[in-house]
Amino acid sequence: MAVLRSVIRSVGAHLPKRVVTNDDLSKIVDTTDEWIRERSGILQRHIADENELTSDLGAAAAKQALIRAGIDPVEIDLVICATATPDRTFPATAVKIQNMLGVTKGAAFDVQAVCSGFVYALTVADNFLKAGQFKRALVIGAETFSRILDWSDRGTCVLFGDGAGAVVLEAQPQHGTREDRGILSTRIRSDGRFEDLLYVDGGPGSTKTVGHLRMNGREVFRHAVQKISGVIEETLVETGFAADEIDLFIPHQANKRILDGIAKKLNVPPEKIVMTLDKHGNTSAASIPLALNQAFEDHRVKEGSLVLMEAMGGGFTWGAVLARW
């Protein structure tokens, strides 16, 4: 029986030129390269210049994805941007990117699920495409997290970076089997009881300010391993795949200890896990598409590859997407 699947046509990415190393950070906050490496696995991160906006990063990543797909912007009819650091409170950053790219039809809007944003945005786009409401979508994860960091808090400012990634999705008829190309499963979850473990202490509706990121790192780590492992296991049960059938695991790049903990719990070999954390830091909603782009450029993902993407972010929000390239 023929079904519509959201096929990933291409991927693109963009990083700010400015690179900040751990040694650079040690000059402005009480930390060391060794301290950061041991606790996170991060060696450096990219930081946007003052004149670089989230929309600039997102549009650059989207342009690369469009070029690689051989698709003209006028053929796109849905733009979704996952971001927790929009250019403005409104309009949506996606609308600005839509205009920057020359997309003139359909709809554009933002999705805000913090580090899980790209998984949420893929899920939303997939449902629209499967329903036949749109034909081709740009799904973007873009962040300038450096704008909401407290640069005197060594427990958080050393972990995050800026960047953007994007994919082009296209609704294509498939056979309705597990061998189909495209998105095979999406699962998203949230639990607002844990809001105070990872949040920003500001907002237009409360403090009338942007605020800074605050995090209880120990508790976030504990929940991340449990919740992400759980949603991955649910995805595998739903689709009938075993963990060893997955060609690549592309996790949200939060902390090497979290990645190692999930891999151990699911018995996933290190060579199947894509890690860009050391070079990018935690780029929130941009981390999964950035890692997917790196896997593409390294020829680790190719037609037919079974790819599992997963994330957890503030809220808490978490989720997973299983797709065949």
Protein backbone atom coordinates (compact mmCIF):
# COMPACT_ATOMS: atom_id res chain seq x y z
CA MET A 1 0.00 0.00 0.00
CA ALA A 2 1.51 3.32 -1.08
CA VAL A 3 2.02 5.95 1.62
CA LEU A 4 3.54 9.42 1.71
CA ARG A 5 6.88 9.68 3.49
CA SER A 6 8.92 12.78 4.29
CA VAL A 7 12.18 12.06 2.48
CA ILE A 8 15.32 13.96 3.48
CA ARG A 9 16.58 15.39 0.20
CA SER A 10 19.64 17.19 1.58
CA VAL A 11 21.32 18.78 4.57
CA GLY A 12 23.25 22.01 5.09
CA ALA A 13 25.05 23.80 7.91
CA HIS A 14 26.64 27.07 8.88
CA LEU A 15 28.95 28.05 11.75
CA PRO A 16 30.16 31.52 12.74
CA LYS A 17 33.81 32.16 11.83
CA ARG A 18 34.83 33.09 15.36
CA VAL A 19 36.18 30.10 17.30
CA VAL A 20 36.55 30.28 21.10
CA THR A 21 38.77 27.64 22.69
CA ASN A 22 38.76 26.44 26.28
CA ASP A 23 41.98 28.35 26.86
CA ASP A 24 40.26 31.50 25.62
CA LEU A 25 37.50 31.01 28.18
CA SER A 26 40.01 30.47 30.98
CA LYS A 27 41.00 34.12 30.55
CA ILE A 28 37.51 35.42 31.34
CA VAL A 29 36.11 32.88 33.83
CA ASP A 30 37.57 30.63 36.54
CA THR A 31 38.08 27.46 34.50
CA THR A 32 40.72 25.45 32.65
CA ASP A 33 40.92 23.47 29.44
CA GLU A 34 41.32 20.27 31.49
CA TRP A 35 38.27 21.06 33.66
CA ILE A 36 36.03 21.62 30.62
CA ARG A 37 37.32 18.58 28.71
CA GLU A 38 36.87 16.22 31.64
CA ARG A 39 33.32 17.34 32.42
CA SER A 40 31.95 17.82 28.92
CA GLY A 41 34.28 16.64 26.15
CA ILE A 42 34.21 20.13 24.59
CA LEU A 43 37.41 21.61 23.15
CA GLN A 44 36.04 24.69 21.37
CA ARG A 45 32.85 26.38 20.19
CA HIS A 46 31.81 28.92 17.52
CA ILE A 47 30.46 32.26 18.72
CA ALA A 48 28.46 34.66 16.55
CA ASP A 49 29.68 38.21 16.08
CA GLU A 50 27.47 41.06 17.22
CA ASN A 51 26.16 41.62 13.70
CA GLU A 52 25.32 37.92 13.12
CA LEU A 53 21.72 37.01 13.92
CA THR A 54 20.05 33.65 14.33
CA SER A 55 18.28 34.27 11.01
CA ASP A 56 21.62 34.85 9.26
CA LEU A 57 22.96 31.50 10.46
CA GLY A 58 19.71 29.70 9.62
CA ALA A 59 19.42 31.20 6.15
CA ALA A 60 23.02 30.27 5.30
CA ALA A 61 22.47 26.65 6.37
CA ALA A 62 19.19 26.50 4.44
CA LYS A 63 20.81 27.90 1.27
CA GLN A 64 23.41 25.15 1.34
CA ALA A 65 20.72 22.50 1.80
CA LEU A 66 18.72 23.91 -1.12
CA ILE A 67 21.75 23.98 -3.41
CA ARG A 68 22.65 20.39 -2.54
CA ALA A 69 19.06 19.29 -3.20
CA GLY A 70 18.93 21.18 -6.50
CA ILE A 71 15.70 22.83 -5.39
CA ASP A 72 14.77 26.44 -6.07
CA PRO A 73 13.42 28.38 -3.06
CA VAL A 74 10.12 28.98 -4.92
CA GLU A 75 9.50 25.21 -4.72
CA ILE A 76 9.47 25.31 -0.90
CA ASP A 77 6.06 25.77 0.70
CA LEU A 78 6.86 25.27 4.40
CA VAL A 79 9.65 26.76 6.54
CA ILE A 80 10.02 25.72 10.17
CA CYS A 81 12.80 27.12 12.34
CA ALA A 82 13.59 25.46 15.66
CA THR A 83 15.17 28.07 17.93
CA ALA A 84 15.22 29.28 21.52
CA THR A 85 17.13 32.42 20.53
CA PRO A 86 14.96 34.19 17.92
CA ASP A 87 15.97 37.49 16.37
CA ARG A 88 12.90 39.14 17.90
CA THR A 89 10.03 38.19 20.17
CA PHE A 90 7.98 38.35 16.97
CA PRO A 91 7.69 37.86 14.08
CA ALA A 92 9.05 34.33 13.92
CA THR A 93 12.64 33.92 12.79
CA ALA A 94 11.33 31.45 10.18
CA VAL A 95 9.38 34.26 8.50
CA LYS A 96 12.55 36.33 8.23
CA ILE A 97 14.46 33.36 6.80
CA GLN A 98 11.59 32.74 4.38
CA ASN A 99 12.02 36.27 3.04
CA MET A 100 15.83 36.07 2.97
CA LEU A 101 15.65 32.91 0.85
CA GLY A 102 12.97 34.15 -1.53
CA VAL A 103 10.33 31.62 -0.50
CA THR A 104 7.04 33.21 -1.48
CA LYS A 105 4.34 30.64 -0.75
CA GLY A 106 3.06 28.43 2.01
CA ALA A 107 3.74 29.01 5.71
CA ALA A 108 6.66 29.79 8.01
CA PHE A 109 6.82 29.60 11.80
CA ASP A 110 9.13 28.82 14.71
CA VAL A 111 9.12 25.83 17.05
CA GLN A 112 10.48 26.33 20.57
CA ALA A 113 11.47 23.14 22.40
CA VAL A 114 15.04 24.23 23.23
CA CYS A 115 17.56 21.43 22.57
CA SER A 116 14.79 19.11 21.36
CA GLY A 117 13.64 21.77 18.90
CA PHE A 118 14.93 20.11 15.74
CA VAL A 119 13.29 16.78 16.63
CA TYR A 120 10.03 18.61 17.33
CA ALA A 121 10.30 20.61 14.09
CA LEU A 122 10.95 17.45 12.05
CA THR A 123 7.91 15.87 13.66
CA VAL A 124 5.67 18.83 12.83
CA ALA A 125 6.91 19.02 9.24
CA ASP A 126 6.54 15.27 8.78
CA ASN A 127 2.89 15.39 9.84
CA PHE A 128 2.13 18.28 7.47
CA LEU A 129 3.81 16.53 4.54
CA LYS A 130 2.19 13.15 5.21
CA ALA A 131 -1.20 14.86 5.37
CA GLY A 132 -0.62 16.34 1.92
CA GLN A 133 -0.94 19.93 3.11
CA PHE A 134 2.56 20.85 1.91
CA LYS A 135 4.96 19.29 -0.59
CA ARG A 136 8.45 20.48 0.37
CA ALA A 137 9.71 21.80 3.69
CA LEU A 138 12.81 23.47 5.00
CA VAL A 139 13.42 22.42 8.60
CA ILE A 140 16.08 24.54 10.31
CA GLY A 141 17.73 24.45 13.70
CA ALA A 142 19.46 27.77 14.44
CA GLU A 143 20.79 29.26 17.66
CA THR A 144 22.84 32.14 19.05
CA PHE A 145 22.98 30.77 22.59
CA SER A 146 25.94 33.01 23.38
CA ARG A 147 23.39 35.85 23.75
CA ILE A 148 21.68 34.24 26.76
CA LEU A 149 24.73 32.97 28.65
CA ASP A 150 25.97 34.33 31.96
CA TRP A 151 29.67 34.62 31.14
CA SER A 152 30.56 34.62 34.84
CA ASP A 153 28.95 31.20 35.41
CA ARG A 154 31.60 28.62 34.55
CA GLY A 155 29.11 25.78 34.92
CA THR A 156 27.12 26.92 31.86
CA CYS A 157 29.02 29.42 29.71
CA VAL A 158 31.69 26.86 28.75
CA LEU A 159 29.13 24.40 27.37
CA PHE A 160 27.32 26.26 24.61
CA GLY A 161 28.01 27.58 21.12
CA ASP A 162 26.25 29.09 18.10
CA GLY A 163 25.41 27.61 14.72
CA ALA A 164 22.72 26.35 12.37
CA GLY A 165 21.78 23.31 10.32
CA ALA A 166 18.93 22.57 7.93
CA VAL A 167 17.34 19.79 5.92
CA VAL A 168 15.06 19.79 2.89
CA LEU A 169 12.12 17.41 3.25
CA GLU A 170 9.97 16.28 0.33
CA ALA A 171 6.74 14.26 0.41
CA GLN A 172 7.28 11.18 -1.75
CA PRO A 173 5.17 8.04 -2.25
CA GLN A 174 6.73 4.93 -0.70
CA HIS A 175 5.62 1.32 -0.27
CA GLY A 176 4.67 1.56 3.41
CA THR A 177 7.34 -0.86 4.62
CA ARG A 178 10.31 -0.58 6.94
CA GLU A 179 12.54 -0.39 3.84
CA ASP A 180 10.99 2.94 2.80
CA ARG A 181 13.12 6.03 2.46
CA GLY A 182 12.20 9.01 4.61
CA ILE A 183 10.98 9.50 8.16
CA LEU A 184 9.75 6.19 9.55
CA SER A 185 8.89 7.22 13.12
CA THR A 186 8.71 10.31 15.33
CA ARG A 187 8.13 10.44 19.06
CA ILE A 188 8.07 13.63 21.15
CA ARG A 189 7.53 14.02 24.89
CA SER A 190 7.57 16.71 27.58
CA ASP A 191 7.22 17.01 31.36
CA GLY A 192 6.82 20.50 32.81
CA ARG A 193 7.49 19.35 36.37
CA PHE A 194 11.22 19.73 35.68
CA GLU A 195 11.16 23.30 34.38
CA ASP A 196 13.41 24.63 37.15
CA LEU A 197 16.28 22.26 36.32
CA LEU A 198 17.06 23.95 32.98
CA TYR A 199 15.61 27.35 32.13
CA VAL A 200 16.26 31.01 31.29
CA ASP A 201 15.52 33.41 34.14
CA GLY A 202 13.83 36.02 31.98
CA GLY A 203 11.18 36.66 29.36
CA PRO A 204 8.96 39.46 28.01
CA GLY A 205 5.93 38.19 29.92
CA SER A 206 7.69 37.94 33.30
CA THR A 207 10.83 40.02 33.78
CA LYS A 208 10.61 42.04 30.54
CA THR A 209 14.22 41.01 29.93
CA VAL A 210 15.94 38.26 27.92
CA GLY A 211 17.52 36.66 30.99
CA HIS A 212 20.31 34.08 31.31
CA LEU A 213 20.46 30.31 31.10
CA ARG A 214 20.39 28.45 34.43
CA MET A 215 20.98 24.72 34.85
CA ASN A 216 21.24 22.01 37.48
CA GLY A 217 23.76 19.96 35.56
CA ARG A 218 23.73 16.87 37.80
CA GLU A 219 19.96 16.45 37.60
CA VAL A 220 19.82 17.18 33.87
CA PHE A 221 22.40 14.45 33.27
CA ARG A 222 20.41 11.92 35.29
CA HIS A 223 17.16 12.63 33.46
CA ALA A 224 18.80 12.83 30.02
CA VAL A 225 20.20 9.29 30.04
CA GLN A 226 16.94 7.83 31.33
CA LYS A 227 14.52 9.74 29.12
CA ILE A 228 16.50 9.57 25.88
CA SER A 229 17.21 5.85 26.28
CA GLY A 230 13.51 5.30 26.94
CA VAL A 231 12.29 7.12 23.83
CA ILE A 232 14.87 5.35 21.66
CA GLU A 233 13.69 1.99 22.96
CA GLU A 234 10.07 2.99 22.25
CA THR A 235 11.02 3.93 18.68
CA LEU A 236 12.76 0.62 18.09
CA VAL A 237 9.81 -1.36 19.45
CA GLU A 238 7.36 0.63 17.31
CA THR A 239 9.30 0.12 14.08
CA GLY A 240 10.54 -3.41 14.76
CA PHE A 241 14.21 -2.56 14.38
CA ALA A 242 16.92 -3.74 16.72
CA ALA A 243 19.54 -1.29 17.96
CA ASP A 244 22.27 -3.04 15.97
CA GLU A 245 20.32 -2.43 12.73
CA ILE A 246 20.69 1.34 13.09
CA ASP A 247 23.54 2.58 10.91
CA LEU A 248 24.07 5.93 12.66
CA PHE A 249 22.96 7.44 15.95
CA ILE A 250 22.91 11.24 15.77
CA PRO A 251 22.28 12.54 19.28
CA HIS A 252 21.87 16.05 20.54
CA GLN A 253 25.38 17.18 21.40
CA ALA A 254 25.03 18.19 25.04
CA ASN A 255 27.75 16.41 26.98
CA LYS A 256 30.07 13.50 26.21
CA ARG A 257 29.15 11.84 29.49
CA ILE A 258 25.49 11.79 28.42
CA LEU A 259 26.38 10.35 25.01
CA ASP A 260 28.54 7.68 26.65
CA GLY A 261 25.82 6.85 29.17
CA ILE A 262 23.17 6.37 26.47
CA ALA A 263 25.54 4.30 24.31
CA LYS A 264 26.34 2.03 27.26
CA LYS A 265 22.69 1.61 28.22
CA LEU A 266 21.70 0.66 24.64
CA ASN A 267 24.93 -1.22 23.87
CA VAL A 268 25.71 1.01 20.87
CA PRO A 269 29.34 0.87 19.60
CA PRO A 270 31.18 4.22 19.52
CA GLU A 271 31.75 4.05 15.75
CA LYS A 272 27.99 4.31 15.18
CA ILE A 273 27.65 7.55 17.14
CA VAL A 274 28.23 10.91 15.43
CA MET A 275 29.93 13.36 17.78
CA THR A 276 30.64 17.00 16.96
CA LEU A 277 30.45 18.18 20.57
CA ASP A 278 34.21 18.63 20.83
CA LYS A 279 34.27 21.21 18.01
CA HIS A 280 30.84 22.86 18.36
CA GLY A 281 29.83 22.62 22.02
CA ASN A 282 26.11 22.42 22.74
CA THR A 283 24.33 24.36 19.99
CA SER A 284 20.84 23.47 21.24
CA ALA A 285 18.37 23.03 18.35
CA ALA A 286 21.20 23.31 15.82
CA SER A 287 23.25 20.42 17.18
CA ILE A 288 21.50 17.50 15.44
CA PRO A 289 21.45 19.02 11.92
CA LEU A 290 25.06 20.16 12.39
CA ALA A 291 26.04 16.60 13.31
CA LEU A 292 23.97 15.19 10.44
CA ASN A 293 25.76 17.55 8.06
CA GLN A 294 29.13 16.43 9.39
CA ALA A 295 28.16 12.79 8.87
CA PHE A 296 27.08 13.60 5.31
CA GLU A 297 30.32 15.40 4.51
CA ASP A 298 32.34 12.53 6.01
CA HIS A 299 30.38 10.05 3.81
CA ARG A 300 29.12 8.25 6.91
CA VAL A 301 25.51 8.69 5.81
CA LYS A 302 24.45 7.62 2.31
CA GLU A 303 21.33 6.51 0.50
CA GLY A 304 19.70 3.70 2.47
CA SER A 305 21.37 4.54 5.79
CA LEU A 306 19.10 4.10 8.79
CA VAL A 307 19.59 7.13 11.03
CA LEU A 308 18.24 7.70 14.53
CA MET A 309 18.20 11.28 15.89
CA GLU A 310 17.37 12.04 19.52
CA ALA A 311 17.47 14.94 21.97
CA MET A 312 16.41 16.29 25.36
CA GLY A 313 16.06 19.93 26.31
CA GLY A 314 14.64 22.37 28.82
CA GLY A 315 11.04 21.83 29.80
CA PHE A 316 11.87 18.97 29.94
CA THR A 317 11.25 18.10 26.31
CA TRP A 318 12.67 15.05 24.55
CA GLY A 319 12.10 12.91 21.49
CA ALA A 320 13.48 10.78 18.69
CA VAL A 321 13.18 10.55 14.90
CA LEU A 322 14.05 7.45 12.87
CA ALA A 323 14.67 8.02 9.16
CA ARG A 324 16.13 6.18 6.21
CA TRP A 325 18.35 8.45 4.10
